[in-house]
Amino acid sequence: MLNKPKIIETLLPYAEEVQKKFNLLPSVCIAQAILETGWLRHCSGNNIFGIKWTRNCGYDFNEIHTYEWIDGVKTPKICLFRKYKNYSESFNDYGNLLTSLRRYDPVVSAGNYKTACNELYRGGYCTDPQYPKKLISIIEENELFKYDPVKTTEEIKNANPILILQINLNKLKIPDYENKPLATDGILGPKTRSSIKHFREICCLDDSFSGEEEILVLTKIILNYNTYLFQIVRDD
C-alpha cells in the first residue's frame, strides 16, 4: 500500500526549492510529480516530470513506451525522455523549462493552483485533456495547497529585482555569453551582465541606459506590450 504522506514529505523539499528559485507553486509541482510518476512508482532516469529529450538539452536519454492524446485518441508511442543524476537535477530542469519558455508565462504568474494547472495544459505541457482536472484532484485530495505561499503586498513590492530581471530576460530569449538561458538565482554575476549587454545591443541603447533597474522596467514594458498584442490577435 502506498504511503502517500511519506511520498509527499519526500517531494516537498524539492518543490519548496523550486518555489524559491523559480517562483512556481509547490502544490502544482508536487501534484505533477505524483501524476507523472504514479506516486514515484515509475521514474525511469529520475525523470520526475516526464520531460522529453531534445538535441543539445545537455542530458542523456531513455527510450520509453508511453501514450499521447492525438485528435482525442489515446495513442501508444515510443519517445525519448531525459535522464537525470538525481531528483534535484530533475526538479531544477523542470523549473528552468517553465521559466524559459514564453508559453508557460501564465503558469509562472498564476496566483493560484487552479489557474496554474489549467495554464499548464493550455501551454502544451501535456496532451491529455483531463490533465488539469487530475492535477487539481491530487492537490485537493492531499491538501497540497497548504504548501503554497501567500504573498503579501509588501513581499511583492520587495521582490528581488535581479531575479525578476533574469526571469524577464529568459522570457525574451536573451541568452548569456554561453548562449544559454540565465539561471534565476537573483545574483548579478558575469552571465547576467552579459545578457543585459546583449539586450542593450539588440535595443540599440547607449551607455547612459545601463542601470539594472532601467533595463528591468524596459523588459516589463516589452513583455506587457507583447501580451497586449497577443490578446488582440486572439480576440480577432
Foldseek 3Di string as FASTA:
>chain_A
DDPLVVLCVVQQVLLVVLCVFQVAFSLLVSLQLCVVCVSVVRQPLLQSRQAFDDPPPPFDWDWDWDWAQDPNDTHIDIGIHGHDPHNNVNSLVVSVVLLQELQNVQLSVPPALLSNLVSCVVSPSGRDPCRSVSSVCVCVVVVVRVRGDDDDPVCVVPDLLLLLLLSLLSSVCQFFPVSHRDRSPSDPDNRSQRSLVSVCVVVVHDPVQRDSVSSSVVSVVVVVVVVVVVVVVVVD
